[in-house]
Every structure is written in structure tokens, then in C-alpha cells.
């Protein structure tokens, strides 16, 4: 599992902290974004192996963020 990159796009700090603590304890490399726009930029700059994303984001929502990214890794969308 080591070396796999996960992008977490979530606007609530507590949710990001929980995911960060859990995923890094298993050896995943984590990138975080707070907005959909920042998530698209992060995905294009350093393509992840997996994206975990909130649907309700400030600015563009999770659906628009998915459509806006040129990177198409497996994508898991979660609700908050």
C-alpha cells in the first residue's frame, strides 16, 4: 500500500483531520484541498491514485469538480 496517493477534497477541517490520521497511519501519501477548484488543481498537478471528495463544497460542488478534472483516477465520493 505504501506510496499510493490519495487526494482528499473536504471543506470541514475535522473531517480532513480524521481522514488524514487514518490514511497516513496506513502509509498513504495524502494531499488535501478545501475547495473544488483547489481539488482540480491538486489533481492536475500531482495526479492521485484515488480521490475522496465531499459533494457539498464551497464554490463548485463535488459533481462539478469531478467533471472539471482532466485526471480520471478511481473516484470515491462521500457525503457529509
PDB file of N, CA and C in Angstrom:
ATOM      1  N   UNK A   1       0.802  -1.197   0.000  1.00  0.00           N
ATOM      2  CA  UNK A   1       0.000   0.000   0.000  1.00  0.00           C
ATOM      3  C   UNK A   1       0.847   1.264   0.000  1.00  0.00           C
ATOM      4  N   UNK A   2       2.027   1.178   0.507  1.00  0.00           N
ATOM      5  CA  UNK A   2       2.863   2.352   0.640  1.00  0.00           C
ATOM      6  C   UNK A   2       3.065   3.030  -0.706  1.00  0.00           C
ATOM      7  N   UNK A   3       3.058   4.363  -0.692  1.00  0.00           N
ATOM      8  CA  UNK A   3       3.301   5.113  -1.897  1.00  0.00           C
ATOM      9  C   UNK A   3       2.062   5.492  -2.679  1.00  0.00           C
ATOM     10  N   UNK A   4       0.915   4.946  -2.332  1.00  0.00           N
ATOM     11  CA  UNK A   4      -0.319   5.315  -3.030  1.00  0.00           C
ATOM     12  C   UNK A   4      -0.737   6.707  -2.604  1.00  0.00           C
ATOM     13  N   UNK A   5      -1.121   7.518  -3.590  1.00  0.00           N
ATOM     14  CA  UNK A   5      -1.505   8.903  -3.327  1.00  0.00           C
ATOM     15  C   UNK A   5      -3.023   9.044  -3.292  1.00  0.00           C
ATOM     16  N   UNK A   6      -3.515   9.703  -2.249  1.00  0.00           N
ATOM     17  CA  UNK A   6      -4.940   9.968  -2.112  1.00  0.00           C
ATOM     18  C   UNK A   6      -5.141  11.463  -1.981  1.00  0.00           C
ATOM     19  N   UNK A   7      -6.055  11.985  -2.764  1.00  0.00           N
ATOM     20  CA  UNK A   7      -6.451  13.392  -2.676  1.00  0.00           C
ATOM     21  C   UNK A   7      -7.757  13.454  -1.914  1.00  0.00           C
ATOM     22  N   UNK A   8      -7.773  14.222  -0.821  1.00  0.00           N
ATOM     23  CA  UNK A   8      -8.980  14.428  -0.033  1.00  0.00           C
ATOM     24  C   UNK A   8      -9.460  15.849  -0.296  1.00  0.00           C
ATOM     25  N   UNK A   9     -10.680  15.967  -0.829  1.00  0.00           N
ATOM     26  CA  UNK A   9     -11.276  17.283  -1.072  1.00  0.00           C
ATOM     27  C   UNK A   9     -12.447  17.412  -0.108  1.00  0.00           C
ATOM     28  N   UNK A  10     -12.258  18.212   0.926  1.00  0.00           N
ATOM     29  CA  UNK A  10     -13.231  18.321   2.018  1.00  0.00           C
ATOM     30  C   UNK A  10     -13.087  19.692   2.663  1.00  0.00           C
ATOM     31  N   UNK A  11     -14.205  20.380   2.867  1.00  0.00           N
ATOM     32  CA  UNK A  11     -14.129  21.724   3.423  1.00  0.00           C
ATOM     33  C   UNK A  11     -14.172  21.774   4.944  1.00  0.00           C
ATOM     34  N   UNK A  12     -14.471  20.681   5.608  1.00  0.00           N
ATOM     35  CA  UNK A  12     -14.518  20.674   7.074  1.00  0.00           C
ATOM     36  C   UNK A  12     -13.205  20.125   7.636  1.00  0.00           C
ATOM     37  N   UNK A  13     -12.527  20.942   8.422  1.00  0.00           N
ATOM     38  CA  UNK A  13     -11.212  20.578   8.969  1.00  0.00           C
ATOM     39  C   UNK A  13     -11.263  19.284   9.770  1.00  0.00           C
ATOM     40  N   UNK A  14     -12.291  19.095  10.582  1.00  0.00           N
ATOM     41  CA  UNK A  14     -12.378  17.888  11.414  1.00  0.00           C
ATOM     42  C   UNK A  14     -12.437  16.630  10.543  1.00  0.00           C
ATOM     43  N   UNK A  15     -13.207  16.660   9.457  1.00  0.00           N
ATOM     44  CA  UNK A  15     -13.281  15.508   8.543  1.00  0.00           C
ATOM     45  C   UNK A  15     -11.929  15.251   7.890  1.00  0.00           C
ATOM     46  N   UNK A  16     -11.237  16.331   7.472  1.00  0.00           N
ATOM     47  CA  UNK A  16      -9.905  16.167   6.882  1.00  0.00           C
ATOM     48  C   UNK A  16      -8.941  15.573   7.896  1.00  0.00           C
ATOM     49  N   UNK A  17      -9.001  16.036   9.153  1.00  0.00           N
ATOM     50  CA  UNK A  17      -8.104  15.532  10.183  1.00  0.00           C
ATOM     51  C   UNK A  17      -8.323  14.039  10.412  1.00  0.00           C
ATOM     52  N   UNK A  18      -9.598  13.624  10.486  1.00  0.00           N
ATOM     53  CA  UNK A  18      -9.897  12.204  10.689  1.00  0.00           C
ATOM     54  C   UNK A  18      -9.361  11.354   9.546  1.00  0.00           C
ATOM     55  N   UNK A  19      -9.601  11.798   8.319  1.00  0.00           N
ATOM     56  CA  UNK A  19      -9.096  11.058   7.159  1.00  0.00           C
ATOM     57  C   UNK A  19      -7.569  11.064   7.126  1.00  0.00           C
ATOM     58  N   UNK A  20      -6.971  12.205   7.418  1.00  0.00           N
ATOM     59  CA  UNK A  20      -5.506  12.315   7.434  1.00  0.00           C
ATOM     60  C   UNK A  20      -4.914  11.322   8.438  1.00  0.00           C
ATOM     61  N   UNK A  21      -5.447  11.322   9.667  1.00  0.00           N
ATOM     62  CA  UNK A  21      -4.927  10.419  10.698  1.00  0.00           C
ATOM     63  C   UNK A  21      -5.076   8.957  10.288  1.00  0.00           C
ATOM     64  N   UNK A  22      -6.230   8.600   9.782  1.00  0.00           N
ATOM     65  CA  UNK A  22      -6.494   7.213   9.394  1.00  0.00           C
ATOM     66  C   UNK A  22      -5.622   6.781   8.216  1.00  0.00           C
ATOM     67  N   UNK A  23      -5.652   7.564   7.152  1.00  0.00           N
ATOM     68  CA  UNK A  23      -4.971   7.148   5.922  1.00  0.00           C
ATOM     69  C   UNK A  23      -3.450   7.179   6.041  1.00  0.00           C
ATOM     70  N   UNK A  24      -2.903   8.181   6.711  1.00  0.00           N
ATOM     71  CA  UNK A  24      -1.449   8.222   6.855  1.00  0.00           C
ATOM     72  C   UNK A  24      -0.956   7.106   7.768  1.00  0.00           C
ATOM     73  N   UNK A  25      -1.789   6.652   8.711  1.00  0.00           N
ATOM     74  CA  UNK A  25      -1.383   5.539   9.576  1.00  0.00           C
ATOM     75  C   UNK A  25      -1.228   4.245   8.781  1.00  0.00           C
ATOM     76  N   UNK A  26      -1.856   4.177   7.610  1.00  0.00           N
ATOM     77  CA  UNK A  26      -1.713   3.011   6.736  1.00  0.00           C
ATOM     78  C   UNK A  26      -0.673   3.230   5.642  1.00  0.00           C
ATOM     79  N   UNK A  27       0.032   4.353   5.692  1.00  0.00           N
ATOM     80  CA  UNK A  27       1.125   4.594   4.765  1.00  0.00           C
ATOM     81  C   UNK A  27       0.764   5.307   3.483  1.00  0.00           C
ATOM     82  N   UNK A  28      -0.459   5.801   3.385  1.00  0.00           N
ATOM     83  CA  UNK A  28      -0.837   6.539   2.188  1.00  0.00           C
ATOM     84  C   UNK A  28      -0.260   7.946   2.213  1.00  0.00           C
ATOM     85  N   UNK A  29       0.076   8.458   1.045  1.00  0.00           N
ATOM     86  CA  UNK A  29       0.511   9.838   0.883  1.00  0.00           C
ATOM     87  C   UNK A  29      -0.739  10.668   0.625  1.00  0.00           C
ATOM     88  N   UNK A  30      -0.950  11.702   1.410  1.00  0.00           N
ATOM     89  CA  UNK A  30      -2.192  12.460   1.340  1.00  0.00           C
ATOM     90  C   UNK A  30      -1.954  13.871   0.834  1.00  0.00           C
ATOM     91  N   UNK A  31      -2.826  14.312  -0.058  1.00  0.00           N
ATOM     92  CA  UNK A  31      -2.896  15.697  -0.470  1.00  0.00           C
ATOM     93  C   UNK A  31      -4.294  16.164  -0.098  1.00  0.00           C
ATOM     94  N   UNK A  32      -4.398  17.392   0.391  1.00  0.00           N
ATOM     95  CA  UNK A  32      -5.699  17.896   0.824  1.00  0.00           C
ATOM     96  C   UNK A  32      -6.054  19.171   0.084  1.00  0.00           C
ATOM     97  N   UNK A  33      -7.351  19.326  -0.166  1.00  0.00           N
ATOM     98  CA  UNK A  33      -7.889  20.547  -0.757  1.00  0.00           C
ATOM     99  C   UNK A  33      -9.189  20.875  -0.040  1.00  0.00           C
ATOM    100  N   UNK A  34      -9.466  22.169   0.090  1.00  0.00           N
ATOM    101  CA  UNK A  34     -10.652  22.622   0.803  1.00  0.00           C
ATOM    102  C   UNK A  34     -11.786  22.954  -0.152  1.00  0.00           C
ATOM    103  N   UNK A  35     -11.467  23.374  -1.359  1.00  0.00           N
ATOM    104  CA  UNK A  35     -12.494  23.732  -2.349  1.00  0.00           C
ATOM    105  C   UNK A  35     -12.386  22.842  -3.572  1.00  0.00           C
ATOM    106  N   UNK A  36     -13.448  22.813  -4.350  1.00  0.00           N
ATOM    107  CA  UNK A  36     -13.428  22.051  -5.592  1.00  0.00           C
ATOM    108  C   UNK A  36     -12.370  22.554  -6.559  1.00  0.00           C
ATOM    109  N   UNK A  37     -12.242  23.879  -6.646  1.00  0.00           N
ATOM    110  CA  UNK A  37     -11.250  24.467  -7.550  1.00  0.00           C
ATOM    111  C   UNK A  37      -9.840  24.030  -7.162  1.00  0.00           C
ATOM    112  N   UNK A  38      -9.545  24.074  -5.854  1.00  0.00           N
ATOM    113  CA  UNK A  38      -8.224  23.642  -5.384  1.00  0.00           C
ATOM    114  C   UNK A  38      -8.025  22.143  -5.621  1.00  0.00           C
ATOM    115  N   UNK A  39      -9.104  21.373  -5.509  1.00  0.00           N
ATOM    116  CA  UNK A  39      -9.030  19.945  -5.765  1.00  0.00           C
ATOM    117  C   UNK A  39      -8.672  19.629  -7.206  1.00  0.00           C
ATOM    118  N   UNK A  40      -9.286  20.351  -8.137  1.00  0.00           N
ATOM    119  CA  UNK A  40      -8.974  20.156  -9.563  1.00  0.00           C
ATOM    120  C   UNK A  40      -7.502  20.483  -9.816  1.00  0.00           C
ATOM    121  N   UNK A  41      -7.041  21.599  -9.263  1.00  0.00           N
ATOM    122  CA  UNK A  41      -5.639  21.989  -9.433  1.00  0.00           C
ATOM    123  C   UNK A  41      -4.704  20.931  -8.844  1.00  0.00           C
ATOM    124  N   UNK A  42      -5.019  20.452  -7.641  1.00  0.00           N
ATOM    125  CA  UNK A  42      -4.184  19.430  -6.999  1.00  0.00           C
ATOM    126  C   UNK A  42      -4.150  18.147  -7.817  1.00  0.00           C
ATOM    127  N   UNK A  43      -5.296  17.734  -8.367  1.00  0.00           N
ATOM    128  CA  UNK A  43      -5.359  16.503  -9.167  1.00  0.00           C
ATOM    129  C   UNK A  43      -4.549  16.631 -10.450  1.00  0.00           C
ATOM    130  N   UNK A  44      -4.539  17.811 -11.026  1.00  0.00           N
ATOM    131  CA  UNK A  44      -3.794  18.006 -12.271  1.00  0.00           C
ATOM    132  C   UNK A  44      -2.300  18.185 -12.020  1.00  0.00           C
ATOM    133  N   UNK A  45      -1.946  18.746 -10.864  1.00  0.00           N
ATOM    134  CA  UNK A  45      -0.544  18.977 -10.518  1.00  0.00           C
ATOM    135  C   UNK A  45       0.149  17.687 -10.095  1.00  0.00           C
ATOM    136  N   UNK A  46      -0.514  16.911  -9.269  1.00  0.00           N
ATOM    137  CA  UNK A  46       0.062  15.674  -8.737  1.00  0.00           C
ATOM    138  C   UNK A  46      -1.027  14.603  -8.772  1.00  0.00           C
ATOM    139  N   UNK A  47      -1.238  13.957  -9.924  1.00  0.00           N
ATOM    140  CA  UNK A  47      -2.356  13.023 -10.080  1.00  0.00           C
ATOM    141  C   UNK A  47      -2.386  11.939  -8.997  1.00  0.00           C
ATOM    142  N   UNK A  48      -3.520  11.831  -8.289  1.00  0.00           N
ATOM    143  CA  UNK A  48      -3.642  10.827  -7.233  1.00  0.00           C
ATOM    144  C   UNK A  48      -4.083   9.480  -7.782  1.00  0.00           C
ATOM    145  N   UNK A  49      -3.956   8.466  -6.951  1.00  0.00           N
ATOM    146  CA  UNK A  49      -4.478   7.150  -7.279  1.00  0.00           C
ATOM    147  C   UNK A  49      -5.956   7.047  -6.926  1.00  0.00           C
ATOM    148  N   UNK A  50      -6.388   7.876  -5.981  1.00  0.00           N
ATOM    149  CA  UNK A  50      -7.765   7.854  -5.507  1.00  0.00           C
ATOM    150  C   UNK A  50      -8.139   9.243  -5.021  1.00  0.00           C
ATOM    151  N   UNK A  51      -9.379   9.647  -5.259  1.00  0.00           N
ATOM    152  CA  UNK A  51      -9.894  10.917  -4.743  1.00  0.00           C
ATOM    153  C   UNK A  51     -11.067  10.614  -3.823  1.00  0.00           C
ATOM    154  N   UNK A  52     -10.994  11.137  -2.590  1.00  0.00           N
ATOM    155  CA  UNK A  52     -12.117  11.087  -1.661  1.00  0.00           C
ATOM    156  C   UNK A  52     -12.643  12.516  -1.575  1.00  0.00           C
ATOM    157  N   UNK A  53     -13.913  12.688  -1.911  1.00  0.00           N
ATOM    158  CA  UNK A  53     -14.419  14.042  -2.078  1.00  0.00           C
ATOM    159  C   UNK A  53     -15.801  14.221  -1.466  1.00  0.00           C
ATOM    160  N   UNK A  54     -15.979  15.357  -0.829  1.00  0.00           N
ATOM    161  CA  UNK A  54     -17.277  15.774  -0.334  1.00  0.00           C
ATOM    162  C   UNK A  54     -18.102  16.233  -1.543  1.00  0.00           C
ATOM    163  N   UNK A  55     -19.397  16.026  -1.498  1.00  0.00           N
ATOM    164  CA  UNK A  55     -20.244  16.510  -2.586  1.00  0.00           C
ATOM    165  C   UNK A  55     -20.566  17.989  -2.404  1.00  0.00           C
ATOM    166  N   UNK A  56     -20.788  18.411  -1.162  1.00  0.00           N
ATOM    167  CA  UNK A  56     -21.143  19.797  -0.874  1.00  0.00           C
ATOM    168  C   UNK A  56     -19.890  20.575  -0.528  1.00  0.00           C
ATOM    169  N   UNK A  57     -19.330  21.245  -1.526  1.00  0.00           N
ATOM    170  CA  UNK A  57     -18.110  22.022  -1.360  1.00  0.00           C
ATOM    171  C   UNK A  57     -18.400  23.494  -1.640  1.00  0.00           C
ATOM    172  N   UNK A  58     -17.609  24.397  -1.058  1.00  0.00           N
ATOM    173  CA  UNK A  58     -17.761  25.804  -1.418  1.00  0.00           C
ATOM    174  C   UNK A  58     -17.303  26.016  -2.862  1.00  0.00           C
ATOM    175  N   UNK A  59     -17.904  26.948  -3.535  1.00  0.00           N
ATOM    176  CA  UNK A  59     -17.567  27.177  -4.944  1.00  0.00           C
ATOM    177  C   UNK A  59     -18.234  26.123  -5.796  1.00  0.00           C
ATOM    178  N   UNK A  60     -17.453  25.346  -6.523  1.00  0.00           N
ATOM    179  CA  UNK A  60     -18.031  24.278  -7.329  1.00  0.00           C
ATOM    180  C   UNK A  60     -18.203  23.033  -6.469  1.00  0.00           C
ATOM    181  N   UNK A  61     -19.305  22.312  -6.660  1.00  0.00           N
ATOM    182  CA  UNK A  61     -19.584  21.146  -5.824  1.00  0.00           C
ATOM    183  C   UNK A  61     -18.809  19.919  -6.307  1.00  0.00           C
ATOM    184  N   UNK A  62     -18.992  18.808  -5.611  1.00  0.00           N
ATOM    185  CA  UNK A  62     -18.255  17.588  -5.930  1.00  0.00           C
ATOM    186  C   UNK A  62     -18.496  17.064  -7.336  1.00  0.00           C
ATOM    187  N   UNK A  63     -19.738  17.168  -7.811  1.00  0.00           N
ATOM    188  CA  UNK A  63     -20.038  16.696  -9.169  1.00  0.00           C
ATOM    189  C   UNK A  63     -19.312  17.539 -10.212  1.00  0.00           C
ATOM    190  N   UNK A  64     -19.360  18.862 -10.041  1.00  0.00           N
ATOM    191  CA  UNK A  64     -18.670  19.753 -10.974  1.00  0.00           C
ATOM    192  C   UNK A  64     -17.159  19.566 -10.895  1.00  0.00           C
ATOM    193  N   UNK A  65     -16.664  19.324  -9.686  1.00  0.00           N
ATOM    194  CA  UNK A  65     -15.233  19.095  -9.510  1.00  0.00           C
ATOM    195  C   UNK A  65     -14.799  17.853 -10.274  1.00  0.00           C
ATOM    196  N   UNK A  66     -15.588  16.776 -10.172  1.00  0.00           N
ATOM    197  CA  UNK A  66     -15.269  15.542 -10.903  1.00  0.00           C
ATOM    198  C   UNK A  66     -15.239  15.785 -12.399  1.00  0.00           C
ATOM    199  N   UNK A  67     -16.195  16.549 -12.888  1.00  0.00           N
ATOM    200  CA  UNK A  67     -16.264  16.835 -14.321  1.00  0.00           C
ATOM    201  C   UNK A  67     -15.136  17.763 -14.764  1.00  0.00           C
ATOM    202  N   UNK A  68     -14.658  18.616 -13.840  1.00  0.00           N
ATOM    203  CA  UNK A  68     -13.645  19.601 -14.200  1.00  0.00           C
ATOM    204  C   UNK A  68     -12.228  19.081 -14.198  1.00  0.00           C
ATOM    205  N   UNK A  69     -11.997  17.926 -13.618  1.00  0.00           N
ATOM    206  CA  UNK A  69     -10.639  17.391 -13.549  1.00  0.00           C
ATOM    207  C   UNK A  69     -10.314  16.595 -14.803  1.00  0.00           C
ATOM    208  N   UNK A  70      -9.144  16.864 -15.365  1.00  0.00           N
ATOM    209  CA  UNK A  70      -8.698  16.109 -16.538  1.00  0.00           C
ATOM    210  C   UNK A  70      -8.148  14.743 -16.120  1.00  0.00           C
ATOM    211  N   UNK A  71      -7.826  14.596 -14.838  1.00  0.00           N
ATOM    212  CA  UNK A  71      -7.340  13.321 -14.316  1.00  0.00           C
ATOM    213  C   UNK A  71      -8.552  12.456 -14.002  1.00  0.00           C
ATOM    214  N   UNK A  72      -8.488  11.174 -14.316  1.00  0.00           N
ATOM    215  CA  UNK A  72      -9.627  10.301 -14.057  1.00  0.00           C
ATOM    216  C   UNK A  72      -9.216   9.051 -13.283  1.00  0.00           C
ATOM    217  N   UNK A  73      -8.688   9.219 -12.063  1.00  0.00           N
ATOM    218  CA  UNK A  73      -8.416   8.025 -11.263  1.00  0.00           C
ATOM    219  C   UNK A  73      -9.735   7.463 -10.758  1.00  0.00           C
ATOM    220  N   UNK A  74      -9.685   6.315 -10.113  1.00  0.00           N
ATOM    221  CA  UNK A  74     -10.885   5.819  -9.456  1.00  0.00           C
ATOM    222  C   UNK A  74     -11.303   6.895  -8.475  1.00  0.00           C
ATOM    223  N   UNK A  75     -12.565   7.168  -8.385  1.00  0.00           N
ATOM    224  CA  UNK A  75     -13.020   8.265  -7.551  1.00  0.00           C
ATOM    225  C   UNK A  75     -14.117   7.797  -6.607  1.00  0.00           C
ATOM    226  N   UNK A  76     -13.924   8.015  -5.325  1.00  0.00           N
ATOM    227  CA  UNK A  76     -14.959   7.722  -4.338  1.00  0.00           C
ATOM    228  C   UNK A  76     -15.502   9.049  -3.847  1.00  0.00           C
ATOM    229  N   UNK A  77     -16.784   9.199  -3.861  1.00  0.00           N
ATOM    230  CA  UNK A  77     -17.418  10.421  -3.381  1.00  0.00           C
ATOM    231  C   UNK A  77     -18.171  10.096  -2.119  1.00  0.00           C
ATOM    232  N   UNK A  78     -17.971  10.857  -1.086  1.00  0.00           N
ATOM    233  CA  UNK A  78     -18.687  10.618   0.145  1.00  0.00           C
ATOM    234  C   UNK A  78     -19.509  11.849   0.518  1.00  0.00           C
ATOM    235  N   UNK A  79     -20.567  11.633   1.234  1.00  0.00           N
ATOM    236  CA  UNK A  79     -21.444  12.709   1.677  1.00  0.00           C
ATOM    237  C   UNK A  79     -21.060  13.154   3.065  1.00  0.00           C
ATOM    238  N   UNK A  80     -21.227  14.430   3.331  1.00  0.00           N
ATOM    239  CA  UNK A  80     -21.011  14.895   4.701  1.00  0.00           C
ATOM    240  C   UNK A  80     -22.249  15.580   5.221  1.00  0.00           C
TER     241      UNK A  80
END
